[in-house]
Amino acid sequence: MLSFRGADPAPARRARLITLAAVLCVLAAGCVTGTSISHSSGPSWAPAVRELGGLRVIATATPAGYSLFTAHGAVRFLPGMDLGATTPGHQPGELAITAGDYQRWLEEMGSLGVRAVRIYTIHPPAFYQALAAYDTSHPADPIYLIQGVYLPNDIYLSMQNLDDPVAAMAVATSFMRSAIQRSAGDELGVL
């Protein structure tokens, strides 16, 4: 069959398929041999604490952008991924993820060079324990936590105002306290 311009598209299609097959073979060979991408031989991602305005911080967010302070300098881009709270075949809230799943996933994330994991809600204690264990065993390559907080609709619905400062403060105080307790506990002395 001839294309619009009169040239036979088969050779171009065949070349793309050969290229795709070669890429897949290289990826499969890496999986079979256990080869993984790791940044452990690169610069250290260990946190570097700074004092700003009387607070000890490892990151800042300003209108100019986000910065994470690491042993190798300020980082403005974090290679990361999102981690949901359920697995295929289970309903949200079933909490089917095991401690072993979290441990395996964090090791796999680390081997891929992931340096941040975002969770949109509070996870079971097994997640935070697995993350702490991973970071302790990989001090130069920790995985940073970006903790999301779910904001329930009932408070906003009862106020009939999404911008109500009283509702926002009540939600923020309650859910942030819970998130801090799960992720850091009283070790930070903030509770």
C-alpha atoms as a PDB file:
ATOM      1  CA  MET A   1       0.000   0.000   0.000  1.00  0.00           C
ATOM      2  CA  LEU A   2       1.298   3.461  -0.871  1.00  0.00           C
ATOM      3  CA  SER A   3       1.128   6.392   1.511  1.00  0.00           C
ATOM      4  CA  PHE A   4      -0.162   9.843   0.668  1.00  0.00           C
ATOM      5  CA  ARG A   5       3.231  10.916  -0.700  1.00  0.00           C
ATOM      6  CA  GLY A   6       3.619   7.802  -2.772  1.00  0.00           C
ATOM      7  CA  ALA A   7       6.369   6.161  -0.663  1.00  0.00           C
ATOM      8  CA  ASP A   8       6.003   2.697   0.824  1.00  0.00           C
ATOM      9  CA  PRO A   9       5.703   3.133   4.664  1.00  0.00           C
ATOM     10  CA  ALA A  10       6.719  -0.482   5.387  1.00  0.00           C
ATOM     11  CA  PRO A  11      10.530   0.123   5.666  1.00  0.00           C
ATOM     12  CA  ALA A  12      10.045   2.991   8.156  1.00  0.00           C
ATOM     13  CA  ARG A  13       7.600   0.935  10.199  1.00  0.00           C
ATOM     14  CA  ARG A  14       9.968  -2.043  10.124  1.00  0.00           C
ATOM     15  CA  ALA A  15      12.876   0.163  11.330  1.00  0.00           C
ATOM     16  CA  ARG A  16      10.772   1.466  14.248  1.00  0.00           C
ATOM     17  CA  LEU A  17       9.789  -2.080  15.217  1.00  0.00           C
ATOM     18  CA  ILE A  18      13.418  -3.236  15.118  1.00  0.00           C
ATOM     19  CA  THR A  19      14.473  -0.285  17.294  1.00  0.00           C
ATOM     20  CA  LEU A  20      11.664  -0.976  19.771  1.00  0.00           C
ATOM     21  CA  ALA A  21      12.584  -4.679  19.899  1.00  0.00           C
ATOM     22  CA  ALA A  22      16.245  -3.814  20.574  1.00  0.00           C
ATOM     23  CA  VAL A  23      15.293  -1.467  23.424  1.00  0.00           C
ATOM     24  CA  LEU A  24      13.016  -4.106  24.946  1.00  0.00           C
ATOM     25  CA  CYS A  25      15.789  -6.724  24.707  1.00  0.00           C
ATOM     26  CA  VAL A  26      18.225  -4.450  26.538  1.00  0.00           C
ATOM     27  CA  LEU A  27      15.653  -3.748  29.254  1.00  0.00           C
ATOM     28  CA  ALA A  28      14.806  -7.452  29.584  1.00  0.00           C
ATOM     29  CA  ALA A  29      18.495  -8.351  29.798  1.00  0.00           C
ATOM     30  CA  GLY A  30      18.911  -5.863  32.631  1.00  0.00           C
ATOM     31  CA  CYS A  31      15.989  -7.423  34.494  1.00  0.00           C
ATOM     32  CA  VAL A  32      17.221 -10.988  33.984  1.00  0.00           C
ATOM     33  CA  THR A  33      20.788 -10.264  35.068  1.00  0.00           C
ATOM     34  CA  GLY A  34      19.633  -8.227  38.039  1.00  0.00           C
ATOM     35  CA  THR A  35      21.245  -5.062  36.744  1.00  0.00           C
ATOM     36  CA  SER A  36      19.712  -2.007  38.337  1.00  0.00           C
ATOM     37  CA  ILE A  37      20.103   1.699  38.068  1.00  0.00           C
ATOM     38  CA  SER A  38      21.473   3.122  41.295  1.00  0.00           C
ATOM     39  CA  HIS A  39      22.779   6.497  42.278  1.00  0.00           C
ATOM     40  CA  SER A  40      24.709   5.186  45.270  1.00  0.00           C
ATOM     41  CA  SER A  41      28.035   5.842  43.541  1.00  0.00           C
ATOM     42  CA  GLY A  42      27.010   9.437  42.769  1.00  0.00           C
ATOM     43  CA  PRO A  43      26.671  12.455  45.012  1.00  0.00           C
ATOM     44  CA  SER A  44      25.210  12.017  48.471  1.00  0.00           C
ATOM     45  CA  TRP A  45      21.530  12.809  48.896  1.00  0.00           C
ATOM     46  CA  ALA A  46      21.923  12.877  52.698  1.00  0.00           C
ATOM     47  CA  PRO A  47      20.040  15.823  54.215  1.00  0.00           C
ATOM     48  CA  ALA A  48      21.984  18.941  55.139  1.00  0.00           C
ATOM     49  CA  VAL A  49      20.210  20.879  57.878  1.00  0.00           C
ATOM     50  CA  ARG A  50      20.181  24.667  57.590  1.00  0.00           C
ATOM     51  CA  GLU A  51      18.887  27.281  59.971  1.00  0.00           C
ATOM     52  CA  LEU A  52      16.456  29.774  58.496  1.00  0.00           C
ATOM     53  CA  GLY A  53      14.539  32.243  60.619  1.00  0.00           C
ATOM     54  CA  GLY A  54      15.312  30.309  63.793  1.00  0.00           C
ATOM     55  CA  LEU A  55      14.067  27.024  62.340  1.00  0.00           C
ATOM     56  CA  ARG A  56      16.172  24.001  61.400  1.00  0.00           C
ATOM     57  CA  VAL A  57      15.093  22.927  57.898  1.00  0.00           C
ATOM     58  CA  ILE A  58      16.172  20.586  55.128  1.00  0.00           C
ATOM     59  CA  ALA A  59      13.933  22.154  52.479  1.00  0.00           C
ATOM     60  CA  THR A  60      12.273  25.416  51.557  1.00  0.00           C
ATOM     61  CA  ALA A  61       9.475  26.443  49.227  1.00  0.00           C
ATOM     62  CA  THR A  62       9.375  30.026  48.011  1.00  0.00           C
ATOM     63  CA  PRO A  63       7.801  31.771  45.032  1.00  0.00           C
ATOM     64  CA  ALA A  64      11.135  31.183  43.283  1.00  0.00           C
ATOM     65  CA  GLY A  65      10.807  27.412  43.714  1.00  0.00           C
ATOM     66  CA  TYR A  66      11.516  24.439  45.907  1.00  0.00           C
ATOM     67  CA  SER A  67      14.949  23.527  47.305  1.00  0.00           C
ATOM     68  CA  LEU A  68      16.045  20.417  49.182  1.00  0.00           C
ATOM     69  CA  PHE A  69      19.343  20.854  51.017  1.00  0.00           C
ATOM     70  CA  THR A  70      21.581  17.802  50.591  1.00  0.00           C
ATOM     71  CA  ALA A  71      25.213  16.969  51.269  1.00  0.00           C
ATOM     72  CA  HIS A  72      25.998  17.751  47.610  1.00  0.00           C
ATOM     73  CA  GLY A  73      24.125  21.066  47.586  1.00  0.00           C
ATOM     74  CA  ALA A  74      20.649  22.430  47.000  1.00  0.00           C
ATOM     75  CA  VAL A  75      18.459  20.289  44.754  1.00  0.00           C
ATOM     76  CA  ARG A  76      15.528  21.751  42.868  1.00  0.00           C
ATOM     77  CA  PHE A  77      14.236  18.566  41.216  1.00  0.00           C
ATOM     78  CA  LEU A  78      13.463  15.369  43.105  1.00  0.00           C
ATOM     79  CA  PRO A  79      13.122  12.179  41.088  1.00  0.00           C
ATOM     80  CA  GLY A  80      10.124  10.653  42.766  1.00  0.00           C
ATOM     81  CA  MET A  81       6.919   8.734  42.548  1.00  0.00           C
ATOM     82  CA  ASP A  82       3.453   8.602  44.022  1.00  0.00           C
ATOM     83  CA  LEU A  83       2.471   5.672  46.245  1.00  0.00           C
ATOM     84  CA  GLY A  84      -1.205   4.881  46.695  1.00  0.00           C
ATOM     85  CA  ALA A  85      -2.763   3.218  49.709  1.00  0.00           C
ATOM     86  CA  THR A  86      -4.186   0.136  48.009  1.00  0.00           C
ATOM     87  CA  THR A  87      -3.258  -2.600  45.569  1.00  0.00           C
ATOM     88  CA  PRO A  88      -5.025  -3.963  42.486  1.00  0.00           C
ATOM     89  CA  GLY A  89      -7.967  -6.164  43.339  1.00  0.00           C
ATOM     90  CA  HIS A  90      -8.664  -4.388  46.639  1.00  0.00           C
ATOM     91  CA  GLN A  91     -10.947  -1.520  47.518  1.00  0.00           C
ATOM     92  CA  PRO A  92      -9.535   1.749  48.896  1.00  0.00           C
ATOM     93  CA  GLY A  93      -9.402   1.492  52.655  1.00  0.00           C
ATOM     94  CA  GLU A  94      -8.861  -2.285  52.710  1.00  0.00           C
ATOM     95  CA  LEU A  95      -5.217  -1.753  53.733  1.00  0.00           C
ATOM     96  CA  ALA A  96      -4.021  -4.839  51.872  1.00  0.00           C
ATOM     97  CA  ILE A  97      -0.408  -3.617  51.621  1.00  0.00           C
ATOM     98  CA  THR A  98       1.924  -5.575  53.910  1.00  0.00           C
ATOM     99  CA  ALA A  99       5.144  -4.514  55.621  1.00  0.00           C
ATOM    100  CA  GLY A 100       6.984  -6.778  53.168  1.00  0.00           C
ATOM    101  CA  ASP A 101       5.367  -4.974  50.230  1.00  0.00           C
ATOM    102  CA  TYR A 102       6.528  -1.606  51.561  1.00  0.00           C
ATOM    103  CA  GLN A 103      10.071  -2.893  52.176  1.00  0.00           C
ATOM    104  CA  ARG A 104      10.303  -4.431  48.685  1.00  0.00           C
ATOM    105  CA  TRP A 105       8.848  -1.349  46.988  1.00  0.00           C
ATOM    106  CA  LEU A 106      11.204   1.041  48.776  1.00  0.00           C
ATOM    107  CA  GLU A 107      14.228  -1.077  47.807  1.00  0.00           C
ATOM    108  CA  GLU A 108      13.015  -1.124  44.199  1.00  0.00           C
ATOM    109  CA  MET A 109      12.408   2.643  44.247  1.00  0.00           C
ATOM    110  CA  GLY A 110      15.904   3.220  45.603  1.00  0.00           C
ATOM    111  CA  SER A 111      17.471   1.020  42.938  1.00  0.00           C
ATOM    112  CA  LEU A 112      15.681   3.095  40.296  1.00  0.00           C
ATOM    113  CA  GLY A 113      17.117   6.322  41.734  1.00  0.00           C
ATOM    114  CA  VAL A 114      13.870   7.529  43.288  1.00  0.00           C
ATOM    115  CA  ARG A 115      14.651  10.129  45.974  1.00  0.00           C
ATOM    116  CA  ALA A 116      11.125  11.127  47.048  1.00  0.00           C
ATOM    117  CA  VAL A 117       7.863   9.305  47.584  1.00  0.00           C
ATOM    118  CA  ARG A 118       4.582  11.183  47.790  1.00  0.00           C
ATOM    119  CA  ILE A 119       1.649   9.698  49.622  1.00  0.00           C
ATOM    120  CA  TYR A 120      -1.703  11.423  49.468  1.00  0.00           C
ATOM    121  CA  THR A 121      -3.017  10.210  52.806  1.00  0.00           C
ATOM    122  CA  ILE A 122      -1.828   8.720  56.063  1.00  0.00           C
ATOM    123  CA  HIS A 123      -0.581   5.141  55.591  1.00  0.00           C
ATOM    124  CA  PRO A 124      -0.418   2.341  58.174  1.00  0.00           C
ATOM    125  CA  PRO A 125       2.561   2.356  60.585  1.00  0.00           C
ATOM    126  CA  ALA A 126       4.265  -0.365  58.499  1.00  0.00           C
ATOM    127  CA  PHE A 127       4.951   2.192  55.748  1.00  0.00           C
ATOM    128  CA  TYR A 128       6.673   4.683  58.045  1.00  0.00           C
ATOM    129  CA  GLN A 129       8.652   1.912  59.740  1.00  0.00           C
ATOM    130  CA  ALA A 130       9.798   0.547  56.353  1.00  0.00           C
ATOM    131  CA  LEU A 131      10.765   4.040  55.172  1.00  0.00           C
ATOM    132  CA  ALA A 132      12.742   4.718  58.366  1.00  0.00           C
ATOM    133  CA  ALA A 133      14.507   1.351  58.024  1.00  0.00           C
ATOM    134  CA  TYR A 134      15.324   2.059  54.364  1.00  0.00           C
ATOM    135  CA  ASP A 135      16.684   5.530  55.119  1.00  0.00           C
ATOM    136  CA  THR A 136      18.766   4.206  58.029  1.00  0.00           C
ATOM    137  CA  SER A 137      20.334   1.546  55.826  1.00  0.00           C
ATOM    138  CA  HIS A 138      20.898   4.011  52.930  1.00  0.00           C
ATOM    139  CA  PRO A 139      22.132   7.210  54.635  1.00  0.00           C
ATOM    140  CA  ALA A 140      23.672   8.652  51.445  1.00  0.00           C
ATOM    141  CA  ASP A 141      20.604   7.804  49.348  1.00  0.00           C
ATOM    142  CA  PRO A 142      17.506   8.293  51.514  1.00  0.00           C
ATOM    143  CA  ILE A 143      14.012   8.450  50.088  1.00  0.00           C
ATOM    144  CA  TYR A 144      12.359  11.669  51.237  1.00  0.00           C
ATOM    145  CA  LEU A 145       8.690  11.650  52.229  1.00  0.00           C
ATOM    146  CA  ILE A 146       6.193  14.119  50.824  1.00  0.00           C
ATOM    147  CA  GLN A 147       3.208  13.548  53.117  1.00  0.00           C
ATOM    148  CA  GLY A 148      -0.194  14.513  51.775  1.00  0.00           C
ATOM    149  CA  VAL A 149      -3.136  15.161  54.059  1.00  0.00           C
ATOM    150  CA  TYR A 150      -6.687  14.258  53.088  1.00  0.00           C
ATOM    151  CA  LEU A 151      -9.146  17.042  53.788  1.00  0.00           C
ATOM    152  CA  PRO A 152     -12.607  15.668  54.574  1.00  0.00           C
ATOM    153  CA  ASN A 153     -15.572  17.311  52.916  1.00  0.00           C
ATOM    154  CA  ASP A 154     -17.935  17.216  55.901  1.00  0.00           C
ATOM    155  CA  ILE A 155     -16.380  20.203  57.678  1.00  0.00           C
ATOM    156  CA  TYR A 156     -16.500  22.336  54.548  1.00  0.00           C
ATOM    157  CA  LEU A 157     -20.020  21.205  53.709  1.00  0.00           C
ATOM    158  CA  SER A 158     -21.289  22.106  57.181  1.00  0.00           C
ATOM    159  CA  MET A 159     -19.745  25.594  56.862  1.00  0.00           C
ATOM    160  CA  GLN A 160     -20.951  25.986  53.237  1.00  0.00           C
ATOM    161  CA  ASN A 161     -17.701  27.843  52.535  1.00  0.00           C
ATOM    162  CA  LEU A 162     -14.529  26.280  51.132  1.00  0.00           C
ATOM    163  CA  ASP A 163     -12.541  29.375  52.118  1.00  0.00           C
ATOM    164  CA  ASP A 164     -13.704  29.498  55.749  1.00  0.00           C
ATOM    165  CA  PRO A 165     -10.568  30.066  57.882  1.00  0.00           C
ATOM    166  CA  VAL A 166     -12.107  28.361  60.937  1.00  0.00           C
ATOM    167  CA  ALA A 167     -12.820  25.175  58.979  1.00  0.00           C
ATOM    168  CA  ALA A 168      -9.408  25.258  57.331  1.00  0.00           C
ATOM    169  CA  MET A 169      -7.637  25.644  60.681  1.00  0.00           C
ATOM    170  CA  ALA A 170      -9.656  22.841  62.299  1.00  0.00           C
ATOM    171  CA  VAL A 171      -8.899  20.474  59.447  1.00  0.00           C
ATOM    172  CA  ALA A 172      -5.246  21.452  59.219  1.00  0.00           C
ATOM    173  CA  THR A 173      -4.671  21.106  62.964  1.00  0.00           C
ATOM    174  CA  SER A 174      -6.371  17.718  63.260  1.00  0.00           C
ATOM    175  CA  PHE A 175      -5.001  16.053  60.166  1.00  0.00           C
ATOM    176  CA  MET A 176      -1.523  17.565  60.265  1.00  0.00           C
ATOM    177  CA  ARG A 177      -1.114  16.431  63.885  1.00  0.00           C
ATOM    178  CA  SER A 178      -2.096  12.904  62.849  1.00  0.00           C
ATOM    179  CA  ALA A 179       0.287  12.961  59.869  1.00  0.00           C
ATOM    180  CA  ILE A 180       3.165  14.171  62.038  1.00  0.00           C
ATOM    181  CA  GLN A 181       2.467  11.511  64.648  1.00  0.00           C
ATOM    182  CA  ARG A 182       2.545   8.793  61.989  1.00  0.00           C
ATOM    183  CA  SER A 183       5.593  10.028  60.134  1.00  0.00           C
ATOM    184  CA  ALA A 184       7.784  11.382  62.934  1.00  0.00           C
ATOM    185  CA  GLY A 185       6.131  10.673  66.261  1.00  0.00           C
ATOM    186  CA  ASP A 186       7.032  12.638  69.348  1.00  0.00           C
ATOM    187  CA  GLU A 187      10.749  12.331  68.491  1.00  0.00           C
ATOM    188  CA  LEU A 188      10.630  15.821  67.036  1.00  0.00           C
ATOM    189  CA  GLY A 189       8.996  17.258  70.148  1.00  0.00           C
ATOM    190  CA  VAL A 190       6.272  18.936  68.115  1.00  0.00           C
ATOM    191  CA  LEU A 191       3.259  17.196  69.629  1.00  0.00           C
END
